[in-house]
Amino acid sequence: MYFFLSHLAIVDMAYACNTVPQMLVNLLSPAKPISFAGCITQTFLFLSFAHTECLLLVVMSYDRLPFCGPHEINHFFCEILSVLKLACADTRLNQVVIFAASVLVLVGPLSLVLLSYARILAAILRIQSGEGRGKAFSTCSSHLCVVGLFFGSAIVMYMAPTSRHPEEQQKILFLFYSFFNPMLNPLIYSLRNAKVKGALRRALFMESHFLLE
């Protein structure tokens, strides 16, 4: 209880530190505007603290499910679906909540991404030169690869019927969206940049030259 109360107090103090100083500035100097960067930063921090407090309040009200039997999880870490399999109580409500959260967290953002790319595709097709269209498609392809790997594997993992995906297949899907994807992100994004590729070539050349000496 005190663990969660302490974190709740920290979040509440962060709330105040994020909003009160600027509010005092506005009261003392109404004509002094806030910068765009400061406004965006304040908005980001406010939403982050608000979401954190919401989650803390939910966790504090959670009544733990009873676990019995072998306390062994057939997974690489304490993944939520694997943990639920150890519970002795009825977990259908938990599974419904996980599915609803997946719709909100996965399908919602993915729909926005696809809508955005539909508009981008329409804009690219209006480009007259083939070279310009090729560069535009090349720029978008990196992000689309990351989006497809992450959202695709996560949606199949948490939204497909569990009977269709045995535990071993679920573990492989987990590796895609939690291990391979973060590992590929720097490669996919950075190696598309000509300066990064040039620096990498120079570093490899210098290392090979040093080894030859």
N, C-alpha and C. Protein backbone atom coordinates (compact mmCIF):
# COMPACT_ATOMS: atom_id res chain seq x y z
N MET A 1 0.82 -1.20 0.00
CA MET A 1 0.00 0.00 0.00
C MET A 1 0.86 1.25 0.00
N TYR A 2 1.89 1.26 0.87
CA TYR A 2 2.75 2.44 0.94
C TYR A 2 3.59 2.61 -0.31
N PHE A 3 3.91 1.50 -0.95
CA PHE A 3 4.65 1.59 -2.22
C PHE A 3 3.86 2.38 -3.24
N PHE A 4 2.57 2.05 -3.41
CA PHE A 4 1.75 2.74 -4.38
C PHE A 4 1.42 4.17 -3.94
N LEU A 5 1.23 4.37 -2.63
CA LEU A 5 0.95 5.72 -2.14
C LEU A 5 2.13 6.65 -2.37
N SER A 6 3.34 6.13 -2.20
CA SER A 6 4.52 6.97 -2.43
C SER A 6 4.63 7.37 -3.89
N HIS A 7 4.35 6.42 -4.78
CA HIS A 7 4.41 6.74 -6.21
C HIS A 7 3.28 7.69 -6.60
N LEU A 8 2.13 7.53 -5.98
CA LEU A 8 1.02 8.44 -6.25
C LEU A 8 1.38 9.85 -5.80
N ALA A 9 2.06 9.97 -4.65
CA ALA A 9 2.48 11.28 -4.18
C ALA A 9 3.50 11.91 -5.12
N ILE A 10 4.41 11.10 -5.65
CA ILE A 10 5.41 11.62 -6.60
C ILE A 10 4.72 12.14 -7.86
N VAL A 11 3.74 11.39 -8.36
CA VAL A 11 3.02 11.83 -9.55
C VAL A 11 2.26 13.12 -9.28
N ASP A 12 1.66 13.23 -8.10
CA ASP A 12 0.93 14.45 -7.76
C ASP A 12 1.86 15.65 -7.68
N MET A 13 3.06 15.44 -7.10
CA MET A 13 4.03 16.54 -7.05
C MET A 13 4.50 16.92 -8.45
N ALA A 14 4.67 15.91 -9.30
CA ALA A 14 5.08 16.19 -10.67
C ALA A 14 4.02 16.99 -11.41
N TYR A 15 2.75 16.67 -11.14
CA TYR A 15 1.64 17.46 -11.67
C TYR A 15 1.83 18.94 -11.35
N ALA A 16 2.04 19.19 -10.05
CA ALA A 16 2.15 20.58 -9.59
C ALA A 16 3.37 21.27 -10.19
N CYS A 17 4.49 20.56 -10.22
CA CYS A 17 5.72 21.16 -10.78
C CYS A 17 5.59 21.44 -12.27
N ASN A 18 4.73 20.71 -12.93
CA ASN A 18 4.56 20.89 -14.37
C ASN A 18 3.65 22.06 -14.71
N THR A 19 2.66 22.31 -13.87
CA THR A 19 1.64 23.31 -14.22
C THR A 19 1.72 24.60 -13.40
N VAL A 20 2.04 24.49 -12.11
CA VAL A 20 1.96 25.67 -11.23
C VAL A 20 2.96 26.76 -11.61
N PRO A 21 4.26 26.45 -11.88
CA PRO A 21 5.18 27.54 -12.22
C PRO A 21 4.72 28.38 -13.41
N GLN A 22 4.27 27.73 -14.47
CA GLN A 22 3.80 28.48 -15.63
C GLN A 22 2.52 29.25 -15.32
N MET A 23 1.67 28.66 -14.46
CA MET A 23 0.46 29.36 -14.07
C MET A 23 0.80 30.66 -13.31
N LEU A 24 1.81 30.59 -12.43
CA LEU A 24 2.23 31.78 -11.70
C LEU A 24 2.81 32.83 -12.64
N VAL A 25 3.57 32.36 -13.63
CA VAL A 25 4.11 33.29 -14.63
C VAL A 25 2.98 33.99 -15.37
N ASN A 26 1.95 33.22 -15.73
CA ASN A 26 0.81 33.80 -16.44
C ASN A 26 0.07 34.83 -15.59
N LEU A 27 -0.03 34.55 -14.27
CA LEU A 27 -0.72 35.47 -13.38
C LEU A 27 0.07 36.75 -13.16
N LEU A 28 1.41 36.61 -13.04
CA LEU A 28 2.25 37.78 -12.78
C LEU A 28 2.54 38.57 -14.05
N SER A 29 2.68 37.88 -15.16
CA SER A 29 2.97 38.55 -16.44
C SER A 29 2.04 38.02 -17.51
N PRO A 30 0.81 38.48 -17.55
CA PRO A 30 -0.17 37.96 -18.52
C PRO A 30 0.24 38.15 -19.97
N ALA A 31 1.04 39.18 -20.23
CA ALA A 31 1.42 39.46 -21.62
C ALA A 31 2.59 38.60 -22.09
N LYS A 32 3.24 37.88 -21.18
CA LYS A 32 4.39 37.08 -21.57
C LYS A 32 3.93 35.74 -22.12
N PRO A 33 4.20 35.44 -23.38
CA PRO A 33 3.69 34.18 -23.97
C PRO A 33 4.60 33.01 -23.63
N ILE A 34 4.04 31.82 -23.73
CA ILE A 34 4.83 30.59 -23.57
C ILE A 34 5.32 30.16 -24.95
N SER A 35 6.53 29.64 -25.01
CA SER A 35 7.09 29.20 -26.29
C SER A 35 6.37 27.95 -26.78
N PHE A 36 6.50 27.69 -28.08
CA PHE A 36 5.86 26.49 -28.64
C PHE A 36 6.46 25.23 -28.04
N ALA A 37 7.80 25.20 -27.91
CA ALA A 37 8.46 24.03 -27.32
C ALA A 37 8.03 23.83 -25.88
N GLY A 38 7.91 24.95 -25.13
CA GLY A 38 7.47 24.84 -23.75
C GLY A 38 6.04 24.35 -23.64
N CYS A 39 5.17 24.80 -24.55
CA CYS A 39 3.77 24.37 -24.55
C CYS A 39 3.65 22.88 -24.84
N ILE A 40 4.39 22.41 -25.86
CA ILE A 40 4.35 20.99 -26.21
C ILE A 40 4.91 20.13 -25.08
N THR A 41 6.01 20.60 -24.46
CA THR A 41 6.60 19.86 -23.35
C THR A 41 5.65 19.75 -22.18
N GLN A 42 5.00 20.88 -21.85
CA GLN A 42 4.04 20.87 -20.75
C GLN A 42 2.87 19.94 -21.04
N THR A 43 2.38 19.96 -22.27
CA THR A 43 1.27 19.07 -22.64
C THR A 43 1.68 17.61 -22.54
N PHE A 44 2.87 17.29 -23.04
CA PHE A 44 3.35 15.90 -22.99
C PHE A 44 3.49 15.42 -21.54
N LEU A 45 4.12 16.25 -20.69
CA LEU A 45 4.30 15.85 -19.30
C LEU A 45 2.97 15.73 -18.56
N PHE A 46 2.06 16.67 -18.84
CA PHE A 46 0.75 16.62 -18.18
C PHE A 46 0.01 15.34 -18.53
N LEU A 47 -0.02 14.98 -19.82
CA LEU A 47 -0.70 13.76 -20.22
C LEU A 47 -0.01 12.52 -19.67
N SER A 48 1.32 12.55 -19.64
CA SER A 48 2.06 11.40 -19.11
C SER A 48 1.74 11.18 -17.64
N PHE A 49 1.77 12.25 -16.85
CA PHE A 49 1.46 12.12 -15.42
C PHE A 49 0.01 11.74 -15.21
N ALA A 50 -0.90 12.27 -16.04
CA ALA A 50 -2.31 11.93 -15.91
C ALA A 50 -2.54 10.45 -16.16
N HIS A 51 -1.93 9.92 -17.22
CA HIS A 51 -2.08 8.50 -17.52
C HIS A 51 -1.46 7.64 -16.43
N THR A 52 -0.31 8.08 -15.92
CA THR A 52 0.35 7.32 -14.85
C THR A 52 -0.53 7.26 -13.61
N GLU A 53 -1.16 8.39 -13.25
CA GLU A 53 -2.03 8.39 -12.08
C GLU A 53 -3.25 7.50 -12.30
N CYS A 54 -3.81 7.53 -13.50
CA CYS A 54 -4.94 6.64 -13.79
C CYS A 54 -4.57 5.19 -13.60
N LEU A 55 -3.41 4.80 -14.12
CA LEU A 55 -2.97 3.41 -13.99
C LEU A 55 -2.69 3.05 -12.54
N LEU A 56 -2.08 3.98 -11.80
CA LEU A 56 -1.81 3.72 -10.39
C LEU A 56 -3.11 3.49 -9.60
N LEU A 57 -4.11 4.32 -9.87
CA LEU A 57 -5.38 4.17 -9.16
C LEU A 57 -6.06 2.85 -9.51
N VAL A 58 -5.91 2.41 -10.77
CA VAL A 58 -6.48 1.12 -11.16
C VAL A 58 -5.75 -0.01 -10.46
N VAL A 59 -4.43 0.05 -10.44
CA VAL A 59 -3.64 -1.01 -9.80
C VAL A 59 -3.95 -1.08 -8.31
N MET A 60 -4.12 0.08 -7.67
CA MET A 60 -4.40 0.10 -6.24
C MET A 60 -5.76 -0.53 -5.91
N SER A 61 -6.67 -0.55 -6.86
CA SER A 61 -7.99 -1.14 -6.61
C SER A 61 -8.07 -2.60 -7.04
N TYR A 62 -6.97 -3.14 -7.55
CA TYR A 62 -7.00 -4.50 -8.10
C TYR A 62 -7.00 -5.53 -6.98
N ASP A 63 -7.89 -6.50 -7.07
CA ASP A 63 -7.96 -7.61 -6.13
C ASP A 63 -7.27 -8.80 -6.78
N ARG A 64 -6.17 -9.24 -6.21
CA ARG A 64 -5.33 -10.24 -6.84
C ARG A 64 -6.07 -11.57 -7.03
N LEU A 65 -5.91 -12.24 -8.22
CA LEU A 65 -6.46 -13.57 -8.47
C LEU A 65 -5.69 -14.62 -7.71
N PRO A 66 -6.39 -15.72 -7.27
CA PRO A 66 -5.65 -16.79 -6.59
C PRO A 66 -4.87 -17.64 -7.58
N PHE A 67 -3.61 -17.95 -7.22
CA PHE A 67 -2.76 -18.80 -8.06
C PHE A 67 -2.47 -20.08 -7.30
N CYS A 68 -2.57 -21.19 -8.03
CA CYS A 68 -2.31 -22.47 -7.39
C CYS A 68 -1.62 -23.38 -8.41
N GLY A 69 -1.22 -24.52 -7.94
CA GLY A 69 -0.59 -25.46 -8.84
C GLY A 69 0.87 -25.12 -9.06
N PRO A 70 1.48 -25.61 -10.14
CA PRO A 70 2.90 -25.33 -10.41
C PRO A 70 3.09 -23.86 -10.77
N HIS A 71 3.93 -23.18 -10.01
CA HIS A 71 4.18 -21.76 -10.26
C HIS A 71 5.30 -21.61 -11.30
N GLU A 72 5.07 -22.16 -12.45
CA GLU A 72 6.05 -22.11 -13.54
C GLU A 72 5.38 -21.57 -14.79
N ILE A 73 6.03 -20.62 -15.43
CA ILE A 73 5.49 -19.98 -16.63
C ILE A 73 6.29 -20.45 -17.83
N ASN A 74 5.58 -20.95 -18.82
CA ASN A 74 6.24 -21.40 -20.05
C ASN A 74 6.44 -20.20 -20.98
N HIS A 75 7.34 -19.32 -20.58
CA HIS A 75 7.59 -18.12 -21.38
C HIS A 75 8.95 -17.55 -21.01
N PHE A 76 9.35 -16.51 -21.75
CA PHE A 76 10.64 -15.88 -21.48
C PHE A 76 10.57 -14.89 -20.32
N PHE A 77 9.39 -14.40 -19.99
CA PHE A 77 9.23 -13.46 -18.89
C PHE A 77 7.78 -13.56 -18.41
N CYS A 78 7.39 -12.74 -17.45
CA CYS A 78 6.03 -12.80 -16.89
C CYS A 78 5.04 -12.13 -17.84
N GLU A 79 4.76 -12.77 -18.93
CA GLU A 79 3.82 -12.25 -19.91
C GLU A 79 2.40 -12.48 -19.42
N ILE A 80 1.51 -11.50 -19.64
CA ILE A 80 0.21 -11.48 -18.98
C ILE A 80 -0.63 -12.72 -19.29
N LEU A 81 -0.65 -13.16 -20.55
CA LEU A 81 -1.46 -14.33 -20.90
C LEU A 81 -0.93 -15.60 -20.25
N SER A 82 0.38 -15.70 -20.14
CA SER A 82 0.97 -16.87 -19.50
C SER A 82 0.72 -16.88 -18.01
N VAL A 83 0.75 -15.70 -17.39
CA VAL A 83 0.47 -15.62 -15.95
C VAL A 83 -0.98 -15.99 -15.65
N LEU A 84 -1.90 -15.57 -16.50
CA LEU A 84 -3.32 -15.87 -16.28
C LEU A 84 -3.59 -17.37 -16.31
N LYS A 85 -2.78 -18.11 -17.06
CA LYS A 85 -3.00 -19.56 -17.12
C LYS A 85 -2.73 -20.25 -15.80
N LEU A 86 -2.01 -19.58 -14.90
CA LEU A 86 -1.72 -20.17 -13.59
C LEU A 86 -2.81 -19.91 -12.58
N ALA A 87 -3.74 -19.00 -12.91
CA ALA A 87 -4.78 -18.63 -11.94
C ALA A 87 -5.81 -19.74 -11.79
N CYS A 88 -6.27 -19.95 -10.56
CA CYS A 88 -7.30 -20.96 -10.30
C CYS A 88 -8.70 -20.41 -10.57
N ALA A 89 -8.85 -19.09 -10.51
CA ALA A 89 -10.17 -18.48 -10.69
C ALA A 89 -10.51 -18.36 -12.17
N ASP A 90 -11.75 -17.98 -12.43
CA ASP A 90 -12.22 -17.76 -13.79
C ASP A 90 -11.57 -16.48 -14.34
N THR A 91 -10.86 -16.59 -15.45
CA THR A 91 -10.12 -15.44 -16.00
C THR A 91 -10.76 -14.89 -17.27
N ARG A 92 -12.02 -15.26 -17.53
CA ARG A 92 -12.65 -14.77 -18.76
C ARG A 92 -12.77 -13.25 -18.77
N LEU A 93 -13.08 -12.66 -17.62
CA LEU A 93 -13.18 -11.20 -17.56
C LEU A 93 -11.83 -10.56 -17.84
N ASN A 94 -10.76 -11.14 -17.30
CA ASN A 94 -9.42 -10.62 -17.57
C ASN A 94 -9.09 -10.68 -19.06
N GLN A 95 -9.46 -11.78 -19.69
CA GLN A 95 -9.20 -11.92 -21.11
C GLN A 95 -9.99 -10.92 -21.94
N VAL A 96 -11.23 -10.64 -21.52
CA VAL A 96 -12.02 -9.62 -22.21
C VAL A 96 -11.39 -8.25 -22.07
N VAL A 97 -10.87 -7.94 -20.87
CA VAL A 97 -10.21 -6.66 -20.64
C VAL A 97 -8.96 -6.53 -21.50
N ILE A 98 -8.18 -7.62 -21.59
CA ILE A 98 -6.98 -7.61 -22.42
C ILE A 98 -7.33 -7.40 -23.88
N PHE A 99 -8.39 -8.06 -24.35
CA PHE A 99 -8.82 -7.89 -25.74
C PHE A 99 -9.26 -6.45 -26.00
N ALA A 100 -10.05 -5.89 -25.06
CA ALA A 100 -10.51 -4.51 -25.23
C ALA A 100 -9.34 -3.54 -25.22
N ALA A 101 -8.36 -3.77 -24.33
CA ALA A 101 -7.18 -2.92 -24.30
C ALA A 101 -6.38 -3.04 -25.59
N SER A 102 -6.33 -4.25 -26.15
CA SER A 102 -5.61 -4.44 -27.41
C SER A 102 -6.28 -3.69 -28.55
N VAL A 103 -7.61 -3.69 -28.55
CA VAL A 103 -8.34 -2.92 -29.57
C VAL A 103 -8.00 -1.44 -29.46
N LEU A 104 -7.96 -0.95 -28.22
CA LEU A 104 -7.69 0.47 -28.00
C LEU A 104 -6.24 0.83 -28.29
N VAL A 105 -5.31 0.00 -27.81
CA VAL A 105 -3.90 0.34 -27.88
C VAL A 105 -3.26 -0.08 -29.21
N LEU A 106 -3.76 -1.16 -29.82
CA LEU A 106 -3.14 -1.67 -31.05
C LEU A 106 -3.93 -1.29 -32.30
N VAL A 107 -5.20 -1.67 -32.33
CA VAL A 107 -6.00 -1.44 -33.54
C VAL A 107 -6.23 0.05 -33.77
N GLY A 108 -6.47 0.80 -32.69
CA GLY A 108 -6.69 2.24 -32.84
C GLY A 108 -5.52 2.95 -33.48
N PRO A 109 -4.30 2.88 -32.88
CA PRO A 109 -3.15 3.52 -33.51
C PRO A 109 -2.83 2.99 -34.90
N LEU A 110 -2.98 1.66 -35.10
CA LEU A 110 -2.71 1.10 -36.42
C LEU A 110 -3.66 1.67 -37.46
N SER A 111 -4.92 1.85 -37.10
CA SER A 111 -5.88 2.45 -38.03
C SER A 111 -5.48 3.86 -38.41
N LEU A 112 -5.00 4.63 -37.42
CA LEU A 112 -4.55 5.99 -37.71
C LEU A 112 -3.32 5.99 -38.60
N VAL A 113 -2.42 5.03 -38.37
CA VAL A 113 -1.22 4.92 -39.21
C VAL A 113 -1.61 4.61 -40.66
N LEU A 114 -2.52 3.64 -40.83
CA LEU A 114 -2.95 3.27 -42.18
C LEU A 114 -3.69 4.41 -42.86
N LEU A 115 -4.49 5.15 -42.10
CA LEU A 115 -5.19 6.31 -42.68
C LEU A 115 -4.20 7.37 -43.12
N SER A 116 -3.18 7.60 -42.28
CA SER A 116 -2.16 8.58 -42.64
C SER A 116 -1.41 8.16 -43.90
N TYR A 117 -1.07 6.87 -43.98
CA TYR A 117 -0.33 6.39 -45.16
C TYR A 117 -1.20 6.36 -46.40
N ALA A 118 -2.49 6.20 -46.24
CA ALA A 118 -3.37 6.29 -47.40
C ALA A 118 -3.32 7.69 -48.01
N ARG A 119 -3.30 8.70 -47.13
CA ARG A 119 -3.19 10.08 -47.63
C ARG A 119 -1.81 10.35 -48.21
N ILE A 120 -0.77 9.77 -47.56
CA ILE A 120 0.59 9.92 -48.10
C ILE A 120 0.70 9.26 -49.47
N LEU A 121 0.11 8.07 -49.63
CA LEU A 121 0.14 7.37 -50.91
C LEU A 121 -0.55 8.18 -51.99
N ALA A 122 -1.69 8.79 -51.64
CA ALA A 122 -2.39 9.63 -52.62
C ALA A 122 -1.53 10.81 -53.03
N ALA A 123 -0.78 11.39 -52.07
CA ALA A 123 0.10 12.50 -52.40
C ALA A 123 1.28 12.05 -53.26
N ILE A 124 1.80 10.86 -52.97
CA ILE A 124 2.94 10.34 -53.76
C ILE A 124 2.53 10.08 -55.19
N LEU A 125 1.34 9.52 -55.37
CA LEU A 125 0.89 9.21 -56.73
C LEU A 125 0.67 10.46 -57.57
N ARG A 126 0.53 11.61 -56.91
CA ARG A 126 0.39 12.87 -57.66
C ARG A 126 1.73 13.45 -58.10
N ILE A 127 2.83 12.86 -57.60
CA ILE A 127 4.16 13.32 -58.02
C ILE A 127 4.39 12.90 -59.46
N GLN A 128 4.87 13.83 -60.27
CA GLN A 128 5.00 13.58 -61.71
C GLN A 128 6.19 12.67 -62.04
N SER A 129 7.34 12.94 -61.44
CA SER A 129 8.55 12.20 -61.82
C SER A 129 8.60 10.84 -61.14
N GLY A 130 9.09 9.86 -61.88
CA GLY A 130 9.23 8.52 -61.31
C GLY A 130 10.29 8.48 -60.24
N GLU A 131 11.37 9.29 -60.40
CA GLU A 131 12.43 9.33 -59.39
C GLU A 131 11.91 9.88 -58.07
N GLY A 132 11.08 10.91 -58.14
CA GLY A 132 10.50 11.49 -56.92
C GLY A 132 9.59 10.51 -56.22
N ARG A 133 8.78 9.78 -57.00
CA ARG A 133 7.92 8.77 -56.37
C ARG A 133 8.75 7.68 -55.71
N GLY A 134 9.86 7.29 -56.39
CA GLY A 134 10.71 6.25 -55.82
C GLY A 134 11.33 6.68 -54.50
N LYS A 135 11.80 7.93 -54.42
CA LYS A 135 12.39 8.43 -53.17
C LYS A 135 11.35 8.48 -52.06
N ALA A 136 10.13 8.91 -52.41
CA ALA A 136 9.07 9.01 -51.41
C ALA A 136 8.70 7.62 -50.87
N PHE A 137 8.56 6.65 -51.78
CA PHE A 137 8.25 5.28 -51.34
C PHE A 137 9.38 4.71 -50.50
N SER A 138 10.62 5.02 -50.86
CA SER A 138 11.77 4.53 -50.11
C SER A 138 11.78 5.09 -48.70
N THR A 139 11.40 6.37 -48.57
CA THR A 139 11.35 7.00 -47.25
C THR A 139 10.30 6.34 -46.36
N CYS A 140 9.14 6.03 -46.94
CA CYS A 140 8.04 5.45 -46.15
C CYS A 140 8.25 3.97 -45.84
N SER A 141 9.03 3.28 -46.66
CA SER A 141 9.13 1.83 -46.51
C SER A 141 9.73 1.42 -45.17
N SER A 142 10.70 2.21 -44.66
CA SER A 142 11.32 1.85 -43.39
C SER A 142 10.30 1.85 -42.26
N HIS A 143 9.53 2.90 -42.19
CA HIS A 143 8.53 3.00 -41.12
C HIS A 143 7.46 1.93 -41.28
N LEU A 144 7.06 1.65 -42.50
CA LEU A 144 6.04 0.62 -42.74
C LEU A 144 6.52 -0.76 -42.31
N CYS A 145 7.80 -1.04 -42.51
CA CYS A 145 8.35 -2.32 -42.07
C CYS A 145 8.25 -2.47 -40.56
N VAL A 146 8.63 -1.40 -39.85
CA VAL A 146 8.58 -1.44 -38.38
C VAL A 146 7.14 -1.57 -37.90
N VAL A 147 6.23 -0.80 -38.50
CA VAL A 147 4.82 -0.85 -38.12
C VAL A 147 4.25 -2.24 -38.36
N GLY A 148 4.55 -2.83 -39.51
CA GLY A 148 4.03 -4.16 -39.83
C GLY A 148 4.52 -5.22 -38.87
N LEU A 149 5.82 -5.18 -38.55
CA LEU A 149 6.38 -6.19 -37.64
C LEU A 149 5.80 -6.06 -36.24
N PHE A 150 5.76 -4.83 -35.73
CA PHE A 150 5.31 -4.64 -34.35
C PHE A 150 3.82 -4.89 -34.19
N PHE A 151 3.01 -4.14 -34.94
CA PHE A 151 1.57 -4.26 -34.78
C PHE A 151 1.05 -5.62 -35.22
N GLY A 152 1.61 -6.16 -36.31
CA GLY A 152 1.14 -7.44 -36.81
C GLY A 152 1.32 -8.56 -35.80
N SER A 153 2.53 -8.68 -35.26
CA SER A 153 2.79 -9.75 -34.30
C SER A 153 2.04 -9.54 -33.00
N ALA A 154 1.92 -8.28 -32.53
CA ALA A 154 1.21 -8.01 -31.28
C ALA A 154 -0.29 -8.28 -31.41
N ILE A 155 -0.88 -7.92 -32.55
CA ILE A 155 -2.31 -8.16 -32.76
C ILE A 155 -2.61 -9.65 -32.82
N VAL A 156 -1.77 -10.40 -33.52
CA VAL A 156 -1.97 -11.85 -33.59
C VAL A 156 -1.80 -12.47 -32.21
N MET A 157 -0.88 -11.92 -31.43
CA MET A 157 -0.60 -12.47 -30.10
C MET A 157 -1.76 -12.27 -29.14
N TYR A 158 -2.34 -11.06 -29.12
CA TYR A 158 -3.31 -10.73 -28.08
C TYR A 158 -4.76 -10.71 -28.56
N MET A 159 -4.99 -10.78 -29.86
CA MET A 159 -6.36 -10.67 -30.33
C MET A 159 -6.86 -11.93 -31.04
N ALA A 160 -5.95 -12.78 -31.49
CA ALA A 160 -6.38 -14.03 -32.13
C ALA A 160 -6.78 -15.04 -31.06
N PRO A 161 -7.68 -15.95 -31.36
CA PRO A 161 -8.06 -16.99 -30.39
C PRO A 161 -6.85 -17.78 -29.93
N THR A 162 -6.74 -17.98 -28.63
CA THR A 162 -5.55 -18.64 -28.07
C THR A 162 -5.42 -20.08 -28.54
N SER A 163 -6.54 -20.70 -28.90
CA SER A 163 -6.48 -22.10 -29.32
C SER A 163 -5.72 -22.27 -30.63
N ARG A 164 -5.66 -21.20 -31.43
CA ARG A 164 -4.97 -21.29 -32.72
C ARG A 164 -3.47 -21.09 -32.58
N HIS A 165 -3.02 -20.64 -31.43
CA HIS A 165 -1.60 -20.36 -31.25
C HIS A 165 -1.10 -21.03 -29.97
N PRO A 166 -0.50 -22.20 -30.10
CA PRO A 166 0.06 -22.86 -28.92
C PRO A 166 1.11 -21.99 -28.26
N GLU A 167 1.51 -22.39 -27.05
CA GLU A 167 2.43 -21.57 -26.27
C GLU A 167 3.75 -21.34 -26.98
N GLU A 168 4.26 -22.35 -27.68
CA GLU A 168 5.55 -22.18 -28.35
C GLU A 168 5.45 -21.13 -29.47
N GLN A 169 4.33 -21.13 -30.19
CA GLN A 169 4.14 -20.11 -31.22
C GLN A 169 3.98 -18.73 -30.61
N GLN A 170 3.32 -18.64 -29.45
CA GLN A 170 3.18 -17.36 -28.78
C GLN A 170 4.53 -16.81 -28.36
N LYS A 171 5.42 -17.68 -27.93
CA LYS A 171 6.75 -17.24 -27.54
C LYS A 171 7.53 -16.69 -28.73
N ILE A 172 7.34 -17.30 -29.89
CA ILE A 172 8.01 -16.80 -31.10
C ILE A 172 7.45 -15.45 -31.49
N LEU A 173 6.12 -15.30 -31.42
CA LEU A 173 5.51 -14.01 -31.71
C LEU A 173 5.99 -12.94 -30.75
N PHE A 174 6.14 -13.31 -29.49
CA PHE A 174 6.66 -12.35 -28.50
C PHE A 174 8.04 -11.86 -28.88
N LEU A 175 8.89 -12.77 -29.37
CA LEU A 175 10.24 -12.37 -29.77
C LEU A 175 10.20 -11.33 -30.88
N PHE A 176 9.23 -11.43 -31.79
CA PHE A 176 9.15 -10.50 -32.90
C PHE A 176 8.88 -9.07 -32.42
N TYR A 177 7.85 -8.91 -31.57
CA TYR A 177 7.46 -7.53 -31.24
C TYR A 177 8.20 -6.97 -30.04
N SER A 178 8.89 -7.80 -29.27
CA SER A 178 9.56 -7.27 -28.08
C SER A 178 11.09 -7.34 -28.16
N PHE A 179 11.63 -8.16 -29.07
CA PHE A 179 13.09 -8.30 -29.14
C PHE A 179 13.63 -7.93 -30.52
N PHE A 180 13.13 -8.61 -31.56
CA PHE A 180 13.65 -8.34 -32.89
C PHE A 180 13.31 -6.93 -33.37
N ASN A 181 12.09 -6.49 -33.07
CA ASN A 181 11.67 -5.18 -33.54
C ASN A 181 12.53 -4.05 -32.95
N PRO A 182 12.73 -3.98 -31.62
CA PRO A 182 13.62 -2.95 -31.09
C PRO A 182 15.05 -3.06 -31.61
N MET A 183 15.49 -4.30 -31.89
CA MET A 183 16.84 -4.48 -32.40
C MET A 183 16.97 -3.99 -33.84
N LEU A 184 15.88 -4.17 -34.62
CA LEU A 184 15.91 -3.77 -36.02
C LEU A 184 15.66 -2.28 -36.22
N ASN A 185 15.01 -1.63 -35.26
CA ASN A 185 14.68 -0.21 -35.41
C ASN A 185 15.89 0.65 -35.76
N PRO A 186 17.00 0.58 -34.98
CA PRO A 186 18.16 1.41 -35.34
C PRO A 186 18.72 1.09 -36.71
N LEU A 187 18.72 -0.20 -37.07
CA LEU A 187 19.26 -0.59 -38.38
C LEU A 187 18.38 -0.08 -39.51
N ILE A 188 17.06 -0.28 -39.37
CA ILE A 188 16.14 0.12 -40.43
C ILE A 188 16.17 1.62 -40.66
N TYR A 189 16.17 2.38 -39.55
CA TYR A 189 16.09 3.83 -39.69
C TYR A 189 17.45 4.46 -40.01
N SER A 190 18.50 4.03 -39.32
CA SER A 190 19.79 4.70 -39.49
C SER A 190 20.46 4.35 -40.82
N LEU A 191 20.34 3.10 -41.26
CA LEU A 191 21.01 2.70 -42.49
C LEU A 191 20.32 3.23 -43.74
N ARG A 192 19.15 3.87 -43.57
CA ARG A 192 18.51 4.55 -44.69
C ARG A 192 19.13 5.92 -44.91
N ASN A 193 19.92 6.37 -43.94
CA ASN A 193 20.53 7.69 -44.01
C ASN A 193 21.90 7.59 -44.66
N ALA A 194 22.13 8.40 -45.70
CA ALA A 194 23.38 8.32 -46.45
C ALA A 194 24.58 8.67 -45.58
N LYS A 195 24.43 9.66 -44.68
CA LYS A 195 25.55 10.05 -43.82
C LYS A 195 25.90 8.93 -42.85
N VAL A 196 24.89 8.26 -42.31
CA VAL A 196 25.16 7.16 -41.39
C VAL A 196 25.85 6.02 -42.12
N LYS A 197 25.38 5.71 -43.33
CA LYS A 197 26.02 4.64 -44.10
C LYS A 197 27.46 5.00 -44.44
N GLY A 198 27.70 6.27 -44.76
CA GLY A 198 29.07 6.70 -45.05
C GLY A 198 29.96 6.58 -43.83
N ALA A 199 29.46 6.98 -42.67
CA ALA A 199 30.25 6.87 -41.45
C ALA A 199 30.53 5.41 -41.11
N LEU A 200 29.55 4.53 -41.34
CA LEU A 200 29.75 3.11 -41.07
C LEU A 200 30.80 2.52 -42.00
N ARG A 201 30.76 2.91 -43.29
CA ARG A 201 31.79 2.43 -44.23
C ARG A 201 33.17 2.88 -43.80
N ARG A 202 33.28 4.15 -43.38
CA ARG A 202 34.60 4.66 -42.96
C ARG A 202 35.10 3.93 -41.72
N ALA A 203 34.19 3.66 -40.78
CA ALA A 203 34.60 2.96 -39.57
C ALA A 203 35.05 1.54 -39.88
N LEU A 204 34.31 0.85 -40.76
CA LEU A 204 34.70 -0.52 -41.14
C LEU A 204 36.01 -0.52 -41.90
N PHE A 205 36.21 0.48 -42.75
CA PHE A 205 37.46 0.57 -43.52
C PHE A 205 38.64 0.80 -42.59
N MET A 206 38.48 1.70 -41.65
CA MET A 206 39.56 1.98 -40.70
C MET A 206 39.87 0.77 -39.84
N GLU A 207 38.84 0.02 -39.45
CA GLU A 207 39.08 -1.17 -38.63
C GLU A 207 39.80 -2.24 -39.43
N SER A 208 39.37 -2.46 -40.69
CA SER A 208 40.05 -3.46 -41.52
C SER A 208 41.48 -3.04 -41.83
N HIS A 209 41.69 -1.75 -42.06
CA HIS A 209 43.04 -1.24 -42.33
C HIS A 209 43.93 -1.43 -41.11
N PHE A 210 43.38 -1.20 -39.91
CA PHE A 210 44.14 -1.38 -38.67
C PHE A 210 44.50 -2.84 -38.47
N LEU A 211 43.58 -3.76 -38.79
CA LEU A 211 43.85 -5.19 -38.63
C LEU A 211 44.93 -5.66 -39.60
N LEU A 212 44.94 -5.11 -40.81
CA LEU A 212 45.93 -5.51 -41.79
C LEU A 212 47.32 -5.06 -41.37
N GLU A 213 47.41 -3.92 -40.69
CA GLU A 213 48.70 -3.45 -40.22
C GLU A 213 49.20 -4.30 -39.04
